[in-house]
């Protein structure tokens, strides 16, 4: 498993007015998304809450206490599910978003918006 760095334009900010908050977006081009890879966000802290929304309408959320690499998913049609095998993984400097095709949070030619809080 590797971190995806191809075909991205990043607009990321760590809000200094509110310590422990990171908000940003990543614009992905048509580069093929490798399902086994992750999209890494370095926000400078270990998040306790992460919300990711992509431009196709899929949203995922992860809360502290949940299993690593899991997420609650809201599909574009509003259906909500718990993904126990693909989602958000945290580390001391940020988090990774699974590029799993079923999760569909990271897709080619889309924009990924994120909010993370420590």
PDB file of N, CA and C in Angstrom:
ATOM      1  N   UNK A   1       0.849  -1.169   0.000  1.00  0.00           N
ATOM      2  CA  UNK A   1       0.000   0.000   0.000  1.00  0.00           C
ATOM      3  C   UNK A   1       0.899   1.237   0.000  1.00  0.00           C
ATOM      4  N   UNK A   2       0.575   2.186  -0.822  1.00  0.00           N
ATOM      5  CA  UNK A   2       1.376   3.404  -0.950  1.00  0.00           C
ATOM      6  C   UNK A   2       0.471   4.619  -0.897  1.00  0.00           C
ATOM      7  N   UNK A   3       1.097   5.774  -0.700  1.00  0.00           N
ATOM      8  CA  UNK A   3       0.353   7.030  -0.725  1.00  0.00           C
ATOM      9  C   UNK A   3       0.288   7.544  -2.147  1.00  0.00           C
ATOM     10  N   UNK A   4      -0.889   7.985  -2.585  1.00  0.00           N
ATOM     11  CA  UNK A   4      -1.086   8.555  -3.908  1.00  0.00           C
ATOM     12  C   UNK A   4      -0.581   9.989  -3.912  1.00  0.00           C
ATOM     13  N   UNK A   5       0.301  10.307  -4.846  1.00  0.00           N
ATOM     14  CA  UNK A   5       0.771  11.683  -4.992  1.00  0.00           C
ATOM     15  C   UNK A   5       0.629  12.181  -6.422  1.00  0.00           C
ATOM     16  N   UNK A   6       0.121  11.347  -7.317  1.00  0.00           N
ATOM     17  CA  UNK A   6       0.011  11.714  -8.728  1.00  0.00           C
ATOM     18  C   UNK A   6      -1.279  12.459  -9.011  1.00  0.00           C
ATOM     19  N   UNK A   7      -1.218  13.429  -9.906  1.00  0.00           N
ATOM     20  CA  UNK A   7      -2.407  14.082 -10.418  1.00  0.00           C
ATOM     21  C   UNK A   7      -3.217  14.853  -9.398  1.00  0.00           C
ATOM     22  N   UNK A   8      -2.543  15.622  -8.530  1.00  0.00           N
ATOM     23  CA  UNK A   8      -3.244  16.356  -7.470  1.00  0.00           C
ATOM     24  C   UNK A   8      -2.867  17.822  -7.457  1.00  0.00           C
ATOM     25  N   UNK A   9      -3.837  18.654  -7.162  1.00  0.00           N
ATOM     26  CA  UNK A   9      -3.591  20.053  -6.841  1.00  0.00           C
ATOM     27  C   UNK A   9      -4.131  20.253  -5.434  1.00  0.00           C
ATOM     28  N   UNK A  10      -3.263  20.553  -4.487  1.00  0.00           N
ATOM     29  CA  UNK A  10      -3.676  20.643  -3.085  1.00  0.00           C
ATOM     30  C   UNK A  10      -3.878  22.095  -2.660  1.00  0.00           C
ATOM     31  N   UNK A  11      -4.968  22.323  -1.954  1.00  0.00           N
ATOM     32  CA  UNK A  11      -5.228  23.598  -1.302  1.00  0.00           C
ATOM     33  C   UNK A  11      -5.565  23.245   0.139  1.00  0.00           C
ATOM     34  N   UNK A  12      -4.574  23.275   0.985  1.00  0.00           N
ATOM     35  CA  UNK A  12      -4.728  22.826   2.352  1.00  0.00           C
ATOM     36  C   UNK A  12      -4.378  23.957   3.298  1.00  0.00           C
ATOM     37  N   UNK A  13      -5.134  24.088   4.376  1.00  0.00           N
ATOM     38  CA  UNK A  13      -4.778  25.076   5.381  1.00  0.00           C
ATOM     39  C   UNK A  13      -4.971  24.477   6.759  1.00  0.00           C
ATOM     40  N   UNK A  14      -4.102  24.839   7.665  1.00  0.00           N
ATOM     41  CA  UNK A  14      -4.269  24.507   9.061  1.00  0.00           C
ATOM     42  C   UNK A  14      -4.635  25.819   9.733  1.00  0.00           C
ATOM     43  N   UNK A  15      -5.878  25.932  10.155  1.00  0.00           N
ATOM     44  CA  UNK A  15      -6.409  27.175  10.709  1.00  0.00           C
ATOM     45  C   UNK A  15      -5.714  27.503  12.021  1.00  0.00           C
ATOM     46  N   UNK A  16      -4.873  28.535  12.027  1.00  0.00           N
ATOM     47  CA  UNK A  16      -4.117  28.928  13.221  1.00  0.00           C
ATOM     48  C   UNK A  16      -4.998  29.615  14.258  1.00  0.00           C
ATOM     49  N   UNK A  17      -6.139  30.160  13.842  1.00  0.00           N
ATOM     50  CA  UNK A  17      -7.041  30.809  14.788  1.00  0.00           C
ATOM     51  C   UNK A  17      -7.739  29.781  15.662  1.00  0.00           C
ATOM     52  N   UNK A  18      -7.882  28.591  15.150  1.00  0.00           N
ATOM     53  CA  UNK A  18      -8.502  27.510  15.910  1.00  0.00           C
ATOM     54  C   UNK A  18      -7.502  26.358  15.929  1.00  0.00           C
ATOM     55  N   UNK A  19      -6.700  26.235  16.974  1.00  0.00           N
ATOM     56  CA  UNK A  19      -5.707  25.161  17.024  1.00  0.00           C
ATOM     57  C   UNK A  19      -6.363  23.798  16.877  1.00  0.00           C
ATOM     58  N   UNK A  20      -5.702  22.927  16.148  1.00  0.00           N
ATOM     59  CA  UNK A  20      -6.200  21.576  15.976  1.00  0.00           C
ATOM     60  C   UNK A  20      -7.290  21.426  14.936  1.00  0.00           C
ATOM     61  N   UNK A  21      -7.393  22.384  14.005  1.00  0.00           N
ATOM     62  CA  UNK A  21      -8.380  22.294  12.927  1.00  0.00           C
ATOM     63  C   UNK A  21      -7.650  22.406  11.590  1.00  0.00           C
ATOM     64  N   UNK A  22      -7.984  21.522  10.667  1.00  0.00           N
ATOM     65  CA  UNK A  22      -7.437  21.585   9.312  1.00  0.00           C
ATOM     66  C   UNK A  22      -8.590  21.470   8.326  1.00  0.00           C
ATOM     67  N   UNK A  23      -8.593  22.386   7.356  1.00  0.00           N
ATOM     68  CA  UNK A  23      -9.629  22.419   6.328  1.00  0.00           C
ATOM     69  C   UNK A  23      -8.924  22.570   4.991  1.00  0.00           C
ATOM     70  N   UNK A  24      -9.375  21.859   3.977  1.00  0.00           N
ATOM     71  CA  UNK A  24      -8.749  22.012   2.677  1.00  0.00           C
ATOM     72  C   UNK A  24      -9.433  21.195   1.598  1.00  0.00           C
ATOM     73  N   UNK A  25      -8.796  21.203   0.434  1.00  0.00           N
ATOM     74  CA  UNK A  25      -9.315  20.419  -0.684  1.00  0.00           C
ATOM     75  C   UNK A  25      -8.161  19.919  -1.529  1.00  0.00           C
ATOM     76  N   UNK A  26      -8.427  18.838  -2.226  1.00  0.00           N
ATOM     77  CA  UNK A  26      -7.468  18.264  -3.172  1.00  0.00           C
ATOM     78  C   UNK A  26      -8.230  18.017  -4.467  1.00  0.00           C
ATOM     79  N   UNK A  27      -7.754  18.609  -5.550  1.00  0.00           N
ATOM     80  CA  UNK A  27      -8.354  18.420  -6.867  1.00  0.00           C
ATOM     81  C   UNK A  27      -7.573  17.305  -7.556  1.00  0.00           C
ATOM     82  N   UNK A  28      -8.275  16.256  -7.938  1.00  0.00           N
ATOM     83  CA  UNK A  28      -7.655  15.108  -8.597  1.00  0.00           C
ATOM     84  C   UNK A  28      -7.936  15.168 -10.092  1.00  0.00           C
ATOM     85  N   UNK A  29      -6.910  14.923 -10.892  1.00  0.00           N
ATOM     86  CA  UNK A  29      -7.114  14.913 -12.336  1.00  0.00           C
ATOM     87  C   UNK A  29      -7.563  13.522 -12.783  1.00  0.00           C
ATOM     88  N   UNK A  30      -7.477  13.234 -14.049  1.00  0.00           N
ATOM     89  CA  UNK A  30      -7.971  11.964 -14.593  1.00  0.00           C
ATOM     90  C   UNK A  30      -6.984  10.813 -14.401  1.00  0.00           C
ATOM     91  N   UNK A  31      -5.881  11.036 -13.664  1.00  0.00           N
ATOM     92  CA  UNK A  31      -4.928   9.968 -13.399  1.00  0.00           C
ATOM     93  C   UNK A  31      -5.654   8.797 -12.735  1.00  0.00           C
ATOM     94  N   UNK A  32      -5.352   7.602 -13.165  1.00  0.00           N
ATOM     95  CA  UNK A  32      -6.005   6.412 -12.625  1.00  0.00           C
ATOM     96  C   UNK A  32      -5.765   6.304 -11.126  1.00  0.00           C
ATOM     97  N   UNK A  33      -6.839   6.044 -10.390  1.00  0.00           N
ATOM     98  CA  UNK A  33      -6.765   5.863  -8.951  1.00  0.00           C
ATOM     99  C   UNK A  33      -6.473   4.389  -8.671  1.00  0.00           C
ATOM    100  N   UNK A  34      -5.430   4.114  -7.907  1.00  0.00           N
ATOM    101  CA  UNK A  34      -5.069   2.748  -7.551  1.00  0.00           C
ATOM    102  C   UNK A  34      -5.790   2.387  -6.261  1.00  0.00           C
ATOM    103  N   UNK A  35      -6.658   1.391  -6.328  1.00  0.00           N
ATOM    104  CA  UNK A  35      -7.543   1.061  -5.209  1.00  0.00           C
ATOM    105  C   UNK A  35      -6.790   0.694  -3.931  1.00  0.00           C
ATOM    106  N   UNK A  36      -5.602   0.138  -4.028  1.00  0.00           N
ATOM    107  CA  UNK A  36      -4.839  -0.247  -2.839  1.00  0.00           C
ATOM    108  C   UNK A  36      -4.086   0.893  -2.188  1.00  0.00           C
ATOM    109  N   UNK A  37      -4.068   2.056  -2.810  1.00  0.00           N
ATOM    110  CA  UNK A  37      -3.335   3.199  -2.279  1.00  0.00           C
ATOM    111  C   UNK A  37      -4.220   4.051  -1.377  1.00  0.00           C
ATOM    112  N   UNK A  38      -3.591   5.014  -0.713  1.00  0.00           N
ATOM    113  CA  UNK A  38      -4.284   5.966   0.146  1.00  0.00           C
ATOM    114  C   UNK A  38      -3.974   7.381  -0.305  1.00  0.00           C
ATOM    115  N   UNK A  39      -4.866   8.298   0.015  1.00  0.00           N
ATOM    116  CA  UNK A  39      -4.636   9.725  -0.190  1.00  0.00           C
ATOM    117  C   UNK A  39      -4.254  10.285   1.171  1.00  0.00           C
ATOM    118  N   UNK A  40      -3.007  10.786   1.317  1.00  0.00           N
ATOM    119  CA  UNK A  40      -2.493  11.237   2.608  1.00  0.00           C
ATOM    120  C   UNK A  40      -2.698  12.738   2.790  1.00  0.00           C
ATOM    121  N   UNK A  41      -3.205  13.129   3.958  1.00  0.00           N
ATOM    122  CA  UNK A  41      -3.378  14.526   4.332  1.00  0.00           C
ATOM    123  C   UNK A  41      -2.512  14.788   5.560  1.00  0.00           C
ATOM    124  N   UNK A  42      -1.521  15.664   5.429  1.00  0.00           N
ATOM    125  CA  UNK A  42      -0.681  16.059   6.560  1.00  0.00           C
ATOM    126  C   UNK A  42      -1.275  17.324   7.157  1.00  0.00           C
ATOM    127  N   UNK A  43      -1.913  17.182   8.312  1.00  0.00           N
ATOM    128  CA  UNK A  43      -2.532  18.343   8.954  1.00  0.00           C
ATOM    129  C   UNK A  43      -1.764  18.778  10.203  1.00  0.00           C
ATOM    130  N   UNK A  44      -0.672  18.087  10.531  1.00  0.00           N
ATOM    131  CA  UNK A  44       0.177  18.498  11.643  1.00  0.00           C
ATOM    132  C   UNK A  44      -0.257  17.996  13.009  1.00  0.00           C
ATOM    133  N   UNK A  45      -1.288  17.166  13.074  1.00  0.00           N
ATOM    134  CA  UNK A  45      -1.754  16.617  14.345  1.00  0.00           C
ATOM    135  C   UNK A  45      -2.502  15.315  14.078  1.00  0.00           C
ATOM    136  N   UNK A  46      -2.762  14.572  15.141  1.00  0.00           N
ATOM    137  CA  UNK A  46      -3.580  13.359  15.021  1.00  0.00           C
ATOM    138  C   UNK A  46      -5.036  13.747  15.190  1.00  0.00           C
ATOM    139  N   UNK A  47      -5.842  13.624  14.159  1.00  0.00           N
ATOM    140  CA  UNK A  47      -7.245  14.021  14.285  1.00  0.00           C
ATOM    141  C   UNK A  47      -8.052  13.059  15.150  1.00  0.00           C
ATOM    142  N   UNK A  48      -9.045  13.611  15.820  1.00  0.00           N
ATOM    143  CA  UNK A  48     -10.018  12.813  16.576  1.00  0.00           C
ATOM    144  C   UNK A  48     -11.351  12.753  15.820  1.00  0.00           C
ATOM    145  N   UNK A  49     -11.496  13.602  14.812  1.00  0.00           N
ATOM    146  CA  UNK A  49     -12.678  13.599  13.945  1.00  0.00           C
ATOM    147  C   UNK A  49     -12.234  14.015  12.551  1.00  0.00           C
ATOM    148  N   UNK A  50     -12.718  13.287  11.532  1.00  0.00           N
ATOM    149  CA  UNK A  50     -12.424  13.616  10.131  1.00  0.00           C
ATOM    150  C   UNK A  50     -13.711  13.480   9.327  1.00  0.00           C
ATOM    151  N   UNK A  51     -13.974  14.481   8.497  1.00  0.00           N
ATOM    152  CA  UNK A  51     -15.076  14.414   7.523  1.00  0.00           C
ATOM    153  C   UNK A  51     -14.487  14.695   6.150  1.00  0.00           C
ATOM    154  N   UNK A  52     -14.834  13.852   5.206  1.00  0.00           N
ATOM    155  CA  UNK A  52     -14.368  13.987   3.824  1.00  0.00           C
ATOM    156  C   UNK A  52     -15.608  13.989   2.935  1.00  0.00           C
ATOM    157  N   UNK A  53     -15.666  14.945   2.019  1.00  0.00           N
ATOM    158  CA  UNK A  53     -16.770  15.058   1.065  1.00  0.00           C
ATOM    159  C   UNK A  53     -16.153  15.165  -0.323  1.00  0.00           C
ATOM    160  N   UNK A  54     -16.630  14.362  -1.271  1.00  0.00           N
ATOM    161  CA  UNK A  54     -16.105  14.542  -2.623  1.00  0.00           C
ATOM    162  C   UNK A  54     -17.156  15.192  -3.504  1.00  0.00           C
ATOM    163  N   UNK A  55     -16.716  15.676  -4.637  1.00  0.00           N
ATOM    164  CA  UNK A  55     -17.592  16.450  -5.516  1.00  0.00           C
ATOM    165  C   UNK A  55     -18.678  15.611  -6.178  1.00  0.00           C
ATOM    166  N   UNK A  56     -18.616  14.280  -6.055  1.00  0.00           N
ATOM    167  CA  UNK A  56     -19.687  13.444  -6.610  1.00  0.00           C
ATOM    168  C   UNK A  56     -20.785  13.168  -5.582  1.00  0.00           C
ATOM    169  N   UNK A  57     -20.632  13.711  -4.370  1.00  0.00           N
ATOM    170  CA  UNK A  57     -21.692  13.589  -3.367  1.00  0.00           C
ATOM    171  C   UNK A  57     -21.456  12.567  -2.279  1.00  0.00           C
ATOM    172  N   UNK A  58     -20.376  11.799  -2.339  1.00  0.00           N
ATOM    173  CA  UNK A  58     -20.071  10.808  -1.309  1.00  0.00           C
ATOM    174  C   UNK A  58     -19.372  11.502  -0.131  1.00  0.00           C
ATOM    175  N   UNK A  59     -19.814  11.203   1.084  1.00  0.00           N
ATOM    176  CA  UNK A  59     -19.186  11.743   2.291  1.00  0.00           C
ATOM    177  C   UNK A  59     -18.837  10.596   3.224  1.00  0.00           C
ATOM    178  N   UNK A  60     -17.669  10.699   3.879  1.00  0.00           N
ATOM    179  CA  UNK A  60     -17.308   9.718   4.895  1.00  0.00           C
ATOM    180  C   UNK A  60     -16.898  10.457   6.162  1.00  0.00           C
ATOM    181  N   UNK A  61     -17.119   9.814   7.303  1.00  0.00           N
ATOM    182  CA  UNK A  61     -16.752  10.387   8.598  1.00  0.00           C
ATOM    183  C   UNK A  61     -16.093   9.321   9.455  1.00  0.00           C
ATOM    184  N   UNK A  62     -15.118   9.765  10.240  1.00  0.00           N
ATOM    185  CA  UNK A  62     -14.433   8.891  11.184  1.00  0.00           C
ATOM    186  C   UNK A  62     -14.324   9.635  12.508  1.00  0.00           C
ATOM    187  N   UNK A  63     -14.601   8.931  13.595  1.00  0.00           N
ATOM    188  CA  UNK A  63     -14.536   9.491  14.941  1.00  0.00           C
ATOM    189  C   UNK A  63     -13.503   8.733  15.768  1.00  0.00           C
ATOM    190  N   UNK A  64     -12.822   9.411  16.692  1.00  0.00           N
ATOM    191  CA  UNK A  64     -11.911   8.739  17.610  1.00  0.00           C
ATOM    192  C   UNK A  64     -12.664   7.628  18.318  1.00  0.00           C
ATOM    193  N   UNK A  65     -12.028   6.498  18.456  1.00  0.00           N
ATOM    194  CA  UNK A  65     -12.662   5.342  19.070  1.00  0.00           C
ATOM    195  C   UNK A  65     -13.134   4.325  18.049  1.00  0.00           C
ATOM    196  N   UNK A  66     -13.312   4.769  16.794  1.00  0.00           N
ATOM    197  CA  UNK A  66     -13.660   3.829  15.726  1.00  0.00           C
ATOM    198  C   UNK A  66     -12.407   3.059  15.329  1.00  0.00           C
ATOM    199  N   UNK A  67     -12.597   1.918  14.719  1.00  0.00           N
ATOM    200  CA  UNK A  67     -11.486   1.128  14.205  1.00  0.00           C
ATOM    201  C   UNK A  67     -10.762   1.922  13.121  1.00  0.00           C
ATOM    202  N   UNK A  68      -9.421   1.861  13.147  1.00  0.00           N
ATOM    203  CA  UNK A  68      -8.655   2.482  12.073  1.00  0.00           C
ATOM    204  C   UNK A  68      -9.053   1.838  10.749  1.00  0.00           C
ATOM    205  N   UNK A  69      -9.052   2.611   9.691  1.00  0.00           N
ATOM    206  CA  UNK A  69      -9.427   2.183   8.340  1.00  0.00           C
ATOM    207  C   UNK A  69     -10.906   1.806   8.254  1.00  0.00           C
ATOM    208  N   UNK A  70     -11.727   2.531   8.996  1.00  0.00           N
ATOM    209  CA  UNK A  70     -13.176   2.378   8.902  1.00  0.00           C
ATOM    210  C   UNK A  70     -13.773   3.760   8.708  1.00  0.00           C
ATOM    211  N   UNK A  71     -15.062   3.820   8.417  1.00  0.00           N
ATOM    212  CA  UNK A  71     -15.748   5.109   8.249  1.00  0.00           C
ATOM    213  C   UNK A  71     -17.238   4.889   8.103  1.00  0.00           C
ATOM    214  N   UNK A  72     -18.002   5.883   8.510  1.00  0.00           N
ATOM    215  CA  UNK A  72     -19.401   5.937   8.149  1.00  0.00           C
ATOM    216  C   UNK A  72     -19.463   6.586   6.778  1.00  0.00           C
ATOM    217  N   UNK A  73     -20.208   5.983   5.858  1.00  0.00           N
ATOM    218  CA  UNK A  73     -20.303   6.495   4.491  1.00  0.00           C
ATOM    219  C   UNK A  73     -21.731   6.916   4.194  1.00  0.00           C
ATOM    220  N   UNK A  74     -21.872   8.099   3.622  1.00  0.00           N
ATOM    221  CA  UNK A  74     -23.152   8.559   3.099  1.00  0.00           C
ATOM    222  C   UNK A  74     -22.994   8.649   1.585  1.00  0.00           C
ATOM    223  N   UNK A  75     -23.718   7.810   0.864  1.00  0.00           N
ATOM    224  CA  UNK A  75     -23.661   7.812  -0.600  1.00  0.00           C
ATOM    225  C   UNK A  75     -24.397   9.027  -1.135  1.00  0.00           C
ATOM    226  N   UNK A  76     -24.204   9.310  -2.401  1.00  0.00           N
ATOM    227  CA  UNK A  76     -24.836  10.467  -3.035  1.00  0.00           C
ATOM    228  C   UNK A  76     -26.362  10.394  -2.943  1.00  0.00           C
ATOM    229  N   UNK A  77     -26.925   9.167  -2.888  1.00  0.00           N
ATOM    230  CA  UNK A  77     -28.378   9.021  -2.789  1.00  0.00           C
ATOM    231  C   UNK A  77     -28.886   9.097  -1.349  1.00  0.00           C
ATOM    232  N   UNK A  78     -27.959   9.313  -0.383  1.00  0.00           N
ATOM    233  CA  UNK A  78     -28.343   9.456   1.016  1.00  0.00           C
ATOM    234  C   UNK A  78     -28.238   8.182   1.829  1.00  0.00           C
ATOM    235  N   UNK A  79     -28.013   7.055   1.196  1.00  0.00           N
ATOM    236  CA  UNK A  79     -27.881   5.787   1.923  1.00  0.00           C
ATOM    237  C   UNK A  79     -26.634   5.837   2.809  1.00  0.00           C
ATOM    238  N   UNK A  80     -26.780   5.413   4.070  1.00  0.00           N
ATOM    239  CA  UNK A  80     -25.660   5.430   5.014  1.00  0.00           C
ATOM    240  C   UNK A  80     -25.270   4.009   5.383  1.00  0.00           C
ATOM    241  N   UNK A  81     -23.949   3.767   5.407  1.00  0.00           N
ATOM    242  CA  UNK A  81     -23.419   2.458   5.772  1.00  0.00           C
ATOM    243  C   UNK A  81     -22.161   2.643   6.599  1.00  0.00           C
ATOM    244  N   UNK A  82     -21.767   1.579   7.273  1.00  0.00           N
ATOM    245  CA  UNK A  82     -20.501   1.552   8.000  1.00  0.00           C
ATOM    246  C   UNK A  82     -19.533   0.697   7.209  1.00  0.00           C
ATOM    247  N   UNK A  83     -18.420   1.286   6.815  1.00  0.00           N
ATOM    248  CA  UNK A  83     -17.372   0.541   6.129  1.00  0.00           C
ATOM    249  C   UNK A  83     -16.346   0.135   7.177  1.00  0.00           C
ATOM    250  N   UNK A  84     -16.182  -1.158   7.378  1.00  0.00           N
ATOM    251  CA  UNK A  84     -15.251  -1.643   8.385  1.00  0.00           C
ATOM    252  C   UNK A  84     -13.894  -2.016   7.834  1.00  0.00           C
ATOM    253  N   UNK A  85     -13.727  -1.961   6.509  1.00  0.00           N
ATOM    254  CA  UNK A  85     -12.466  -2.399   5.912  1.00  0.00           C
ATOM    255  C   UNK A  85     -11.814  -1.352   5.012  1.00  0.00           C
ATOM    256  N   UNK A  86     -12.447  -0.205   4.852  1.00  0.00           N
ATOM    257  CA  UNK A  86     -11.875   0.878   4.041  1.00  0.00           C
ATOM    258  C   UNK A  86     -12.423   2.187   4.571  1.00  0.00           C
ATOM    259  N   UNK A  87     -11.538   3.141   4.817  1.00  0.00           N
ATOM    260  CA  UNK A  87     -11.996   4.421   5.355  1.00  0.00           C
ATOM    261  C   UNK A  87     -10.855   5.341   5.701  1.00  0.00           C
ATOM    262  N   UNK A  88     -10.799   5.778   6.961  1.00  0.00           N
ATOM    263  CA  UNK A  88      -9.809   6.739   7.450  1.00  0.00           C
ATOM    264  C   UNK A  88      -8.831   6.039   8.380  1.00  0.00           C
ATOM    265  N   UNK A  89      -7.537   6.328   8.197  1.00  0.00           N
ATOM    266  CA  UNK A  89      -6.485   5.854   9.092  1.00  0.00           C
ATOM    267  C   UNK A  89      -5.727   7.087   9.591  1.00  0.00           C
ATOM    268  N   UNK A  90      -5.549   7.214  10.888  1.00  0.00           N
ATOM    269  CA  UNK A  90      -4.833   8.368  11.437  1.00  0.00           C
ATOM    270  C   UNK A  90      -3.386   8.016  11.734  1.00  0.00           C
ATOM    271  N   UNK A  91      -2.562   9.048  11.833  1.00  0.00           N
ATOM    272  CA  UNK A  91      -1.194   8.897  12.306  1.00  0.00           C
ATOM    273  C   UNK A  91      -0.827  10.181  13.055  1.00  0.00           C
ATOM    274  N   UNK A  92       0.361  10.277  13.632  1.00  0.00           N
ATOM    275  CA  UNK A  92       0.695  11.458  14.445  1.00  0.00           C
ATOM    276  C   UNK A  92       0.689  12.796  13.697  1.00  0.00           C
ATOM    277  N   UNK A  93       0.758  12.787  12.358  1.00  0.00           N
ATOM    278  CA  UNK A  93       0.802  14.037  11.589  1.00  0.00           C
ATOM    279  C   UNK A  93      -0.424  14.273  10.725  1.00  0.00           C
ATOM    280  N   UNK A  94      -1.351  13.329  10.672  1.00  0.00           N
ATOM    281  CA  UNK A  94      -2.495  13.525   9.790  1.00  0.00           C
ATOM    282  C   UNK A  94      -3.336  12.284   9.633  1.00  0.00           C
ATOM    283  N   UNK A  95      -3.818  12.072   8.405  1.00  0.00           N
ATOM    284  CA  UNK A  95      -4.682  10.927   8.148  1.00  0.00           C
ATOM    285  C   UNK A  95      -4.597  10.504   6.690  1.00  0.00           C
ATOM    286  N   UNK A  96      -5.027   9.283   6.452  1.00  0.00           N
ATOM    287  CA  UNK A  96      -5.065   8.709   5.109  1.00  0.00           C
ATOM    288  C   UNK A  96      -6.500   8.329   4.774  1.00  0.00           C
ATOM    289  N   UNK A  97      -6.878   8.573   3.522  1.00  0.00           N
ATOM    290  CA  UNK A  97      -8.197   8.204   3.022  1.00  0.00           C
ATOM    291  C   UNK A  97      -8.005   7.039   2.065  1.00  0.00           C
ATOM    292  N   UNK A  98      -8.707   5.950   2.307  1.00  0.00           N
ATOM    293  CA  UNK A  98      -8.615   4.783   1.434  1.00  0.00           C
ATOM    294  C   UNK A  98      -9.153   5.126   0.044  1.00  0.00           C
ATOM    295  N   UNK A  99      -8.464   4.647  -0.977  1.00  0.00           N
ATOM    296  CA  UNK A  99      -8.917   4.825  -2.355  1.00  0.00           C
ATOM    297  C   UNK A  99      -9.727   3.626  -2.827  1.00  0.00           C
ATOM    298  N   UNK A 100     -10.235   2.840  -1.904  1.00  0.00           N
ATOM    299  CA  UNK A 100     -11.052   1.676  -2.204  1.00  0.00           C
ATOM    300  C   UNK A 100     -12.209   2.074  -3.130  1.00  0.00           C
ATOM    301  N   UNK A 101     -12.419   1.303  -4.190  1.00  0.00           N
ATOM    302  CA  UNK A 101     -13.440   1.640  -5.184  1.00  0.00           C
ATOM    303  C   UNK A 101     -14.857   1.577  -4.622  1.00  0.00           C
ATOM    304  N   UNK A 102     -15.127   0.664  -3.703  1.00  0.00           N
ATOM    305  CA  UNK A 102     -16.455   0.563  -3.107  1.00  0.00           C
ATOM    306  C   UNK A 102     -16.734   1.755  -2.200  1.00  0.00           C
ATOM    307  N   UNK A 103     -15.725   2.203  -1.467  1.00  0.00           N
ATOM    308  CA  UNK A 103     -15.880   3.379  -0.611  1.00  0.00           C
ATOM    309  C   UNK A 103     -16.158   4.613  -1.470  1.00  0.00           C
ATOM    310  N   UNK A 104     -15.458   4.751  -2.585  1.00  0.00           N
ATOM    311  CA  UNK A 104     -15.669   5.807  -3.587  1.00  0.00           C
ATOM    312  C   UNK A 104     -15.525   7.221  -3.047  1.00  0.00           C
ATOM    313  N   UNK A 105     -14.687   7.403  -2.020  1.00  0.00           N
ATOM    314  CA  UNK A 105     -14.442   8.746  -1.496  1.00  0.00           C
ATOM    315  C   UNK A 105     -13.372   9.471  -2.303  1.00  0.00           C
ATOM    316  N   UNK A 106     -12.460   8.719  -2.907  1.00  0.00           N
ATOM    317  CA  UNK A 106     -11.391   9.276  -3.736  1.00  0.00           C
ATOM    318  C   UNK A 106     -11.558   8.704  -5.136  1.00  0.00           C
ATOM    319  N   UNK A 107     -11.897   9.561  -6.083  1.00  0.00           N
ATOM    320  CA  UNK A 107     -12.098   9.120  -7.464  1.00  0.00           C
ATOM    321  C   UNK A 107     -11.379  10.069  -8.413  1.00  0.00           C
ATOM    322  N   UNK A 108     -11.008   9.556  -9.573  1.00  0.00           N
ATOM    323  CA  UNK A 108     -10.346  10.375 -10.585  1.00  0.00           C
ATOM    324  C   UNK A 108     -11.281  11.493 -11.042  1.00  0.00           C
ATOM    325  N   UNK A 109     -10.706  12.607 -11.428  1.00  0.00           N
ATOM    326  CA  UNK A 109     -11.436  13.768 -11.956  1.00  0.00           C
ATOM    327  C   UNK A 109     -12.471  14.305 -10.963  1.00  0.00           C
ATOM    328  N   UNK A 110     -12.114  14.333  -9.687  1.00  0.00           N
ATOM    329  CA  UNK A 110     -13.026  14.860  -8.671  1.00  0.00           C
ATOM    330  C   UNK A 110     -12.254  15.763  -7.714  1.00  0.00           C
ATOM    331  N   UNK A 111     -12.983  16.398  -6.828  1.00  0.00           N
ATOM    332  CA  UNK A 111     -12.378  17.217  -5.784  1.00  0.00           C
ATOM    333  C   UNK A 111     -12.759  16.609  -4.445  1.00  0.00           C
ATOM    334  N   UNK A 112     -11.780  16.493  -3.564  1.00  0.00           N
ATOM    335  CA  UNK A 112     -11.990  15.963  -2.230  1.00  0.00           C
ATOM    336  C   UNK A 112     -11.843  17.120  -1.238  1.00  0.00           C
ATOM    337  N   UNK A 113     -12.881  17.385  -0.466  1.00  0.00           N
ATOM    338  CA  UNK A 113     -12.868  18.419   0.583  1.00  0.00           C
ATOM    339  C   UNK A 113     -12.748  17.718   1.924  1.00  0.00           C
ATOM    340  N   UNK A 114     -11.998  18.296   2.864  1.00  0.00           N
ATOM    341  CA  UNK A 114     -11.855  17.651   4.152  1.00  0.00           C
ATOM    342  C   UNK A 114     -11.875  18.644   5.305  1.00  0.00           C
ATOM    343  N   UNK A 115     -12.279  18.122   6.463  1.00  0.00           N
ATOM    344  CA  UNK A 115     -12.270  18.854   7.736  1.00  0.00           C
ATOM    345  C   UNK A 115     -11.746  17.876   8.772  1.00  0.00           C
ATOM    346  N   UNK A 116     -10.701  18.246   9.485  1.00  0.00           N
ATOM    347  CA  UNK A 116     -10.150  17.411  10.536  1.00  0.00           C
ATOM    348  C   UNK A 116      -9.998  18.229  11.803  1.00  0.00           C
ATOM    349  N   UNK A 117     -10.270  17.602  12.932  1.00  0.00           N
ATOM    350  CA  UNK A 117     -10.187  18.297  14.220  1.00  0.00           C
ATOM    351  C   UNK A 117      -9.509  17.380  15.230  1.00  0.00           C
ATOM    352  N   UNK A 118      -8.634  17.972  16.044  1.00  0.00           N
ATOM    353  CA  UNK A 118      -7.955  17.171  17.065  1.00  0.00           C
ATOM    354  C   UNK A 118      -8.756  17.098  18.338  1.00  0.00           C
TER     355      UNK A 118
END
